[in-house]
Structures are given as C-alpha cells and as structure tokens.
C-alpha cells in the first residue's frame, strides 16, 4: 500500500494565542487526527532553529504518516473523520475546546500530501518498505 505524509506548517494565530494553540492543537488535535483510519502516526514539532540561511515559514510542523491507495482517498477519509462529531470518545472534548476558544487558534502557513519514494537508515542502507 502506498505511504504518504500530510505535512502542516502552522503556528498560533497570534502571539497571545500560544496557550490556546498548545491546548487545542498540540495537546488535542494531533491525537485526534492520528486516530483517523489510515493514519499510522501523528507528530508535531516545534522549530528549534534555522537551517543554513533558508527562510523558515512556520514555528511548528505537523506530520501525519498515512497508508492509503492514494492521497485523494486519504484526504477523503480524513475529511469524513473530522466531520464526524462522534468519531471517538475524545472528539467531544476536542470540539468543546475549539468552542471555548471561539474557533481554532492556529494559522496554517502551508500544507500538502507527499508520497513516500524511498528511505535510508543512519548507516546509509536503503530501507525496503
């Protein structure tokens, strides 16, 4: 089965929303999305520093590893999952947190689906999937 990652470049919608972002996105949204069918793993990373002299467009990176026949099917399953208020018992708490903050306290600076091509381990050995 093909493997994809859904990458999100995101950050709090404003500096005063950091605590809300941490509570809603970091503490709840990553887990909520990781529970979606086809998702193998969900992770979030906080920017620690620049690489070379390139521009860093976002303070946070979310990565969802997905196995699905196509990125479009993965997108459709994810959209249906997120639309289902009863998808899992924790969904009610996640939605209530968004309501408490009058919406999602984040800005998305970019996102997209990427299909896995190949991987290597730390010794340079190719990892066969």
N, C-alpha and C. Protein backbone atom coordinates (compact mmCIF):
# COMPACT_ATOMS: atom_id res chain seq x y z
N UNK A 1 0.85 -1.17 0.00
CA UNK A 1 0.00 0.00 0.00
C UNK A 1 0.90 1.24 0.00
N UNK A 2 0.59 2.23 -0.82
CA UNK A 2 1.39 3.46 -0.83
C UNK A 2 1.39 4.16 0.53
N UNK A 3 2.49 4.86 0.79
CA UNK A 3 2.62 5.62 2.03
C UNK A 3 2.72 7.10 1.68
N UNK A 4 2.06 7.89 2.49
CA UNK A 4 2.05 9.34 2.31
C UNK A 4 2.32 10.01 3.64
N UNK A 5 2.74 11.26 3.59
CA UNK A 5 2.73 12.10 4.78
C UNK A 5 1.94 13.34 4.44
N UNK A 6 1.14 13.76 5.39
CA UNK A 6 0.45 15.04 5.31
C UNK A 6 1.24 15.98 6.20
N UNK A 7 1.77 17.03 5.61
CA UNK A 7 2.61 18.00 6.31
C UNK A 7 1.79 19.26 6.52
N UNK A 8 1.85 19.80 7.72
CA UNK A 8 1.22 21.09 8.01
C UNK A 8 2.23 22.03 8.62
N UNK A 9 2.32 23.22 8.07
CA UNK A 9 3.16 24.28 8.64
C UNK A 9 2.21 25.22 9.36
N UNK A 10 2.31 25.29 10.66
CA UNK A 10 1.32 26.03 11.42
C UNK A 10 1.94 26.73 12.61
N UNK A 11 1.16 27.58 13.22
CA UNK A 11 1.58 28.31 14.41
C UNK A 11 0.35 28.96 15.03
N UNK A 12 0.50 29.50 16.23
CA UNK A 12 -0.64 30.19 16.83
C UNK A 12 -1.11 31.33 15.92
N UNK A 13 -2.41 31.58 15.92
CA UNK A 13 -2.95 32.62 15.05
C UNK A 13 -2.49 34.02 15.44
N UNK A 14 -2.03 34.19 16.67
CA UNK A 14 -1.41 35.44 17.13
C UNK A 14 -0.59 35.10 18.38
N UNK A 15 0.38 35.94 18.73
CA UNK A 15 1.23 35.64 19.89
C UNK A 15 0.45 35.42 21.18
N UNK A 16 -0.66 36.12 21.36
CA UNK A 16 -1.44 35.97 22.59
C UNK A 16 -2.27 34.68 22.61
N UNK A 17 -2.23 33.91 21.54
CA UNK A 17 -2.98 32.64 21.45
C UNK A 17 -2.09 31.42 21.69
N UNK A 18 -0.85 31.61 22.15
CA UNK A 18 0.07 30.49 22.33
C UNK A 18 -0.50 29.42 23.25
N UNK A 19 -1.03 29.81 24.41
CA UNK A 19 -1.57 28.82 25.35
C UNK A 19 -2.77 28.09 24.74
N UNK A 20 -3.60 28.79 24.01
CA UNK A 20 -4.75 28.15 23.36
C UNK A 20 -4.27 27.18 22.28
N UNK A 21 -3.29 27.61 21.49
CA UNK A 21 -2.71 26.76 20.46
C UNK A 21 -2.14 25.48 21.08
N UNK A 22 -1.40 25.63 22.17
CA UNK A 22 -0.81 24.46 22.84
C UNK A 22 -1.90 23.51 23.33
N UNK A 23 -2.95 24.05 23.94
CA UNK A 23 -4.02 23.21 24.46
C UNK A 23 -4.81 22.54 23.35
N UNK A 24 -5.20 23.31 22.32
CA UNK A 24 -6.07 22.75 21.29
C UNK A 24 -5.27 21.93 20.26
N UNK A 25 -4.22 22.51 19.70
CA UNK A 25 -3.50 21.86 18.60
C UNK A 25 -2.51 20.81 19.10
N UNK A 26 -1.58 21.23 19.97
CA UNK A 26 -0.52 20.33 20.42
C UNK A 26 -1.08 19.21 21.30
N UNK A 27 -1.91 19.58 22.27
CA UNK A 27 -2.39 18.60 23.24
C UNK A 27 -3.58 17.77 22.77
N UNK A 28 -4.33 18.26 21.76
CA UNK A 28 -5.54 17.54 21.37
C UNK A 28 -5.63 17.21 19.87
N UNK A 29 -5.36 18.17 19.01
CA UNK A 29 -5.61 17.97 17.57
C UNK A 29 -4.71 16.89 16.96
N UNK A 30 -3.46 16.86 17.37
CA UNK A 30 -2.55 15.85 16.82
C UNK A 30 -3.07 14.45 17.16
N UNK A 31 -3.46 14.22 18.41
CA UNK A 31 -4.01 12.91 18.77
C UNK A 31 -5.30 12.63 18.02
N UNK A 32 -6.17 13.61 17.95
CA UNK A 32 -7.46 13.44 17.27
C UNK A 32 -7.24 12.99 15.83
N UNK A 33 -6.37 13.68 15.13
CA UNK A 33 -6.12 13.35 13.72
C UNK A 33 -5.39 12.01 13.60
N UNK A 34 -4.48 11.70 14.52
CA UNK A 34 -3.75 10.43 14.48
C UNK A 34 -4.68 9.23 14.64
N UNK A 35 -5.84 9.42 15.24
CA UNK A 35 -6.79 8.33 15.41
C UNK A 35 -7.60 8.03 14.14
N UNK A 36 -7.46 8.85 13.13
CA UNK A 36 -8.19 8.66 11.87
C UNK A 36 -7.76 7.35 11.20
N UNK A 37 -8.72 6.62 10.62
CA UNK A 37 -8.34 5.42 9.85
C UNK A 37 -7.30 5.80 8.78
N UNK A 38 -6.39 4.94 8.52
CA UNK A 38 -5.28 5.10 7.56
C UNK A 38 -4.09 5.82 8.16
N UNK A 39 -4.26 6.57 9.24
CA UNK A 39 -3.13 7.28 9.83
C UNK A 39 -2.35 6.30 10.70
N UNK A 40 -1.06 6.22 10.43
CA UNK A 40 -0.17 5.32 11.16
C UNK A 40 0.43 6.05 12.36
N UNK A 41 0.73 7.34 12.19
CA UNK A 41 1.38 8.10 13.26
C UNK A 41 1.15 9.59 13.02
N UNK A 42 0.94 10.32 14.10
CA UNK A 42 0.83 11.78 14.02
C UNK A 42 1.84 12.40 14.96
N UNK A 43 2.55 13.42 14.48
CA UNK A 43 3.58 14.07 15.29
C UNK A 43 3.53 15.58 15.07
N UNK A 44 4.01 16.31 16.07
CA UNK A 44 4.15 17.75 15.94
C UNK A 44 5.55 18.13 16.41
N UNK A 45 6.15 19.07 15.73
CA UNK A 45 7.50 19.53 16.04
C UNK A 45 7.48 21.05 16.17
N UNK A 46 8.27 21.56 17.11
CA UNK A 46 8.44 22.99 17.30
C UNK A 46 9.79 23.39 16.74
N UNK A 47 9.83 24.48 16.00
CA UNK A 47 11.07 24.97 15.41
C UNK A 47 12.09 25.27 16.50
N UNK A 48 13.28 24.73 16.34
CA UNK A 48 14.37 24.99 17.28
C UNK A 48 15.41 25.95 16.72
N UNK A 49 15.50 26.04 15.42
CA UNK A 49 16.47 26.95 14.81
C UNK A 49 16.47 26.82 13.31
N UNK A 50 17.05 27.79 12.62
CA UNK A 50 17.08 27.76 11.15
C UNK A 50 18.09 26.74 10.63
N UNK A 51 17.92 26.39 9.38
CA UNK A 51 18.87 25.51 8.69
C UNK A 51 19.48 26.32 7.55
N UNK A 52 20.80 26.37 7.56
CA UNK A 52 21.52 27.18 6.60
C UNK A 52 20.99 28.61 6.66
N UNK A 53 20.74 29.20 5.53
CA UNK A 53 20.22 30.58 5.53
C UNK A 53 18.83 30.63 4.93
N UNK A 54 18.15 29.48 4.89
CA UNK A 54 16.82 29.45 4.29
C UNK A 54 15.77 30.07 5.20
N UNK A 55 14.70 30.51 4.57
CA UNK A 55 13.58 31.07 5.31
C UNK A 55 12.82 29.95 6.01
N UNK A 56 12.38 30.21 7.21
CA UNK A 56 11.59 29.25 7.97
C UNK A 56 10.17 29.83 8.07
N UNK A 57 9.23 29.30 7.28
CA UNK A 57 7.91 29.93 7.19
C UNK A 57 6.96 29.65 8.35
N UNK A 58 7.35 28.80 9.29
CA UNK A 58 6.41 28.46 10.35
C UNK A 58 7.15 28.00 11.59
N UNK A 59 6.51 28.17 12.74
CA UNK A 59 7.11 27.78 14.00
C UNK A 59 6.84 26.34 14.40
N UNK A 60 5.88 25.70 13.73
CA UNK A 60 5.51 24.32 14.05
C UNK A 60 5.31 23.52 12.78
N UNK A 61 5.59 22.24 12.87
CA UNK A 61 5.41 21.32 11.76
C UNK A 61 4.61 20.13 12.27
N UNK A 62 3.50 19.83 11.61
CA UNK A 62 2.76 18.61 11.94
C UNK A 62 2.99 17.62 10.81
N UNK A 63 3.16 16.35 11.18
CA UNK A 63 3.44 15.29 10.22
C UNK A 63 2.52 14.11 10.55
N UNK A 64 1.71 13.73 9.57
CA UNK A 64 0.84 12.57 9.73
C UNK A 64 1.27 11.53 8.70
N UNK A 65 1.70 10.36 9.17
CA UNK A 65 2.10 9.26 8.29
C UNK A 65 0.84 8.45 8.00
N UNK A 66 0.60 8.21 6.72
CA UNK A 66 -0.66 7.60 6.28
C UNK A 66 -0.38 6.49 5.27
N UNK A 67 -1.14 5.41 5.37
CA UNK A 67 -1.13 4.37 4.35
C UNK A 67 -2.51 4.36 3.70
N UNK A 68 -2.53 4.55 2.38
CA UNK A 68 -3.80 4.61 1.64
C UNK A 68 -3.51 4.36 0.17
N UNK A 69 -4.53 3.93 -0.58
CA UNK A 69 -4.32 3.69 -2.02
C UNK A 69 -3.90 4.94 -2.79
N UNK A 70 -4.34 6.12 -2.33
CA UNK A 70 -3.99 7.38 -2.99
C UNK A 70 -4.09 8.51 -1.97
N UNK A 71 -3.46 9.63 -2.26
CA UNK A 71 -3.58 10.76 -1.35
C UNK A 71 -5.01 11.26 -1.33
N UNK A 72 -5.71 11.15 -2.47
CA UNK A 72 -7.09 11.63 -2.52
C UNK A 72 -8.00 10.80 -1.62
N UNK A 73 -7.79 9.48 -1.60
CA UNK A 73 -8.57 8.65 -0.68
C UNK A 73 -8.23 8.99 0.76
N UNK A 74 -6.95 9.21 1.05
CA UNK A 74 -6.55 9.60 2.41
C UNK A 74 -7.21 10.93 2.79
N UNK A 75 -7.24 11.87 1.88
CA UNK A 75 -7.88 13.17 2.12
C UNK A 75 -9.38 12.99 2.38
N UNK A 76 -10.04 12.15 1.57
CA UNK A 76 -11.47 11.92 1.75
C UNK A 76 -11.77 11.27 3.10
N UNK A 77 -10.97 10.29 3.50
CA UNK A 77 -11.16 9.62 4.79
C UNK A 77 -10.93 10.61 5.93
N UNK A 78 -9.89 11.42 5.82
CA UNK A 78 -9.60 12.41 6.85
C UNK A 78 -10.73 13.43 6.97
N UNK A 79 -11.23 13.91 5.84
CA UNK A 79 -12.32 14.89 5.88
C UNK A 79 -13.58 14.30 6.51
N UNK A 80 -13.90 13.06 6.18
CA UNK A 80 -15.06 12.39 6.78
C UNK A 80 -14.84 12.20 8.28
N UNK A 81 -13.64 11.81 8.66
CA UNK A 81 -13.29 11.61 10.08
C UNK A 81 -13.48 12.92 10.85
N UNK A 82 -12.95 13.99 10.32
CA UNK A 82 -13.02 15.26 11.03
C UNK A 82 -14.44 15.82 11.07
N UNK A 83 -15.28 15.44 10.14
CA UNK A 83 -16.67 15.89 10.13
C UNK A 83 -17.57 15.10 11.08
N UNK A 84 -17.10 13.93 11.53
CA UNK A 84 -17.89 13.06 12.40
C UNK A 84 -17.69 13.45 13.86
N UNK A 85 -18.70 14.08 14.44
CA UNK A 85 -18.61 14.54 15.83
C UNK A 85 -18.48 13.39 16.83
N UNK A 86 -18.82 12.18 16.39
CA UNK A 86 -18.77 11.01 17.28
C UNK A 86 -17.68 10.02 16.87
N UNK A 87 -16.66 10.47 16.17
CA UNK A 87 -15.62 9.58 15.64
C UNK A 87 -14.91 8.78 16.73
N UNK A 88 -14.72 9.38 17.88
CA UNK A 88 -14.10 8.69 19.02
C UNK A 88 -14.49 9.44 20.28
N UNK A 89 -14.40 8.81 21.46
CA UNK A 89 -14.88 9.45 22.69
C UNK A 89 -14.22 10.80 23.01
N UNK A 90 -12.98 11.00 22.63
CA UNK A 90 -12.30 12.26 22.92
C UNK A 90 -12.69 13.41 22.01
N UNK A 91 -13.40 13.12 20.93
CA UNK A 91 -13.79 14.16 19.97
C UNK A 91 -14.62 15.25 20.64
N UNK A 92 -15.53 14.91 21.54
CA UNK A 92 -16.38 15.91 22.19
C UNK A 92 -15.52 16.92 22.95
N UNK A 93 -14.51 16.44 23.66
CA UNK A 93 -13.62 17.34 24.40
C UNK A 93 -12.85 18.25 23.44
N UNK A 94 -12.36 17.69 22.36
CA UNK A 94 -11.60 18.45 21.36
C UNK A 94 -12.48 19.56 20.76
N UNK A 95 -13.71 19.22 20.40
CA UNK A 95 -14.62 20.22 19.84
C UNK A 95 -15.00 21.28 20.87
N UNK A 96 -15.20 20.86 22.12
CA UNK A 96 -15.53 21.81 23.19
C UNK A 96 -14.38 22.79 23.41
N UNK A 97 -13.15 22.33 23.28
CA UNK A 97 -12.00 23.22 23.44
C UNK A 97 -12.00 24.27 22.33
N UNK A 98 -12.27 23.87 21.10
CA UNK A 98 -12.35 24.83 19.99
C UNK A 98 -13.47 25.84 20.25
N UNK A 99 -14.61 25.37 20.74
CA UNK A 99 -15.72 26.29 21.07
C UNK A 99 -15.31 27.27 22.16
N UNK A 100 -14.60 26.77 23.17
CA UNK A 100 -14.14 27.62 24.26
C UNK A 100 -13.28 28.77 23.74
N UNK A 101 -12.50 28.49 22.69
CA UNK A 101 -11.61 29.50 22.12
C UNK A 101 -12.23 30.23 20.93
N UNK A 102 -13.52 30.00 20.69
CA UNK A 102 -14.22 30.62 19.55
C UNK A 102 -13.57 30.27 18.22
N UNK A 103 -13.17 29.02 18.06
CA UNK A 103 -12.56 28.55 16.82
C UNK A 103 -11.18 27.98 17.05
N UNK A 104 -10.54 27.64 15.97
CA UNK A 104 -9.20 27.04 16.05
C UNK A 104 -8.16 28.15 16.20
N UNK A 105 -7.34 28.10 17.24
CA UNK A 105 -6.35 29.15 17.48
C UNK A 105 -5.04 28.93 16.72
N UNK A 106 -5.15 28.70 15.41
CA UNK A 106 -3.94 28.46 14.65
C UNK A 106 -4.02 29.10 13.28
N UNK A 107 -2.85 29.36 12.73
CA UNK A 107 -2.71 29.82 11.35
C UNK A 107 -1.96 28.71 10.61
N UNK A 108 -2.46 28.35 9.45
CA UNK A 108 -1.81 27.34 8.62
C UNK A 108 -1.05 28.08 7.53
N UNK A 109 0.26 27.94 7.53
CA UNK A 109 1.12 28.64 6.56
C UNK A 109 1.41 27.80 5.33
N UNK A 110 0.94 26.56 5.33
CA UNK A 110 1.13 25.68 4.19
C UNK A 110 0.83 24.25 4.61
N UNK A 111 0.42 23.44 3.65
CA UNK A 111 0.19 22.02 3.92
C UNK A 111 0.15 21.28 2.60
N UNK A 112 0.30 19.96 2.68
CA UNK A 112 0.23 19.16 1.47
C UNK A 112 0.51 17.70 1.74
N UNK A 113 0.08 16.89 0.78
CA UNK A 113 0.31 15.45 0.81
C UNK A 113 1.56 15.12 0.01
N UNK A 114 2.42 14.30 0.57
CA UNK A 114 3.64 13.87 -0.10
C UNK A 114 3.69 12.35 -0.10
N UNK A 115 3.97 11.77 -1.28
CA UNK A 115 4.06 10.31 -1.39
C UNK A 115 5.48 9.86 -1.12
N UNK A 116 5.61 8.80 -0.31
CA UNK A 116 6.91 8.24 0.02
C UNK A 116 7.57 7.66 -1.23
N UNK A 117 8.84 7.97 -1.42
CA UNK A 117 9.60 7.43 -2.56
C UNK A 117 10.63 6.42 -2.07
N UNK A 118 11.50 6.82 -1.13
CA UNK A 118 12.47 5.88 -0.57
C UNK A 118 13.01 6.42 0.73
N UNK A 119 13.57 5.50 1.54
CA UNK A 119 14.15 5.85 2.84
C UNK A 119 15.48 5.16 3.02
N UNK A 120 16.33 5.78 3.85
CA UNK A 120 17.63 5.22 4.22
C UNK A 120 17.77 5.29 5.73
N UNK A 121 18.45 4.33 6.32
CA UNK A 121 18.72 4.40 7.75
C UNK A 121 19.98 5.23 7.97
N UNK A 122 20.38 5.37 9.22
CA UNK A 122 21.54 6.19 9.57
C UNK A 122 22.87 5.67 9.05
N UNK A 123 22.91 4.41 8.62
CA UNK A 123 24.12 3.84 8.04
C UNK A 123 24.12 3.96 6.52
N UNK A 124 23.11 4.61 5.97
CA UNK A 124 23.02 4.75 4.53
C UNK A 124 22.42 3.57 3.82
N UNK A 125 21.92 2.61 4.58
CA UNK A 125 21.29 1.43 3.99
C UNK A 125 19.85 1.80 3.60
N UNK A 126 19.49 1.42 2.41
CA UNK A 126 18.12 1.67 1.97
C UNK A 126 17.14 0.81 2.77
N UNK A 127 16.07 1.40 3.18
CA UNK A 127 15.02 0.69 3.91
C UNK A 127 13.96 0.29 2.91
N UNK A 128 13.75 -0.99 2.79
CA UNK A 128 12.72 -1.50 1.88
C UNK A 128 11.39 -1.51 2.60
N UNK A 129 10.42 -0.92 2.01
CA UNK A 129 9.09 -0.84 2.63
C UNK A 129 8.17 -1.92 2.14
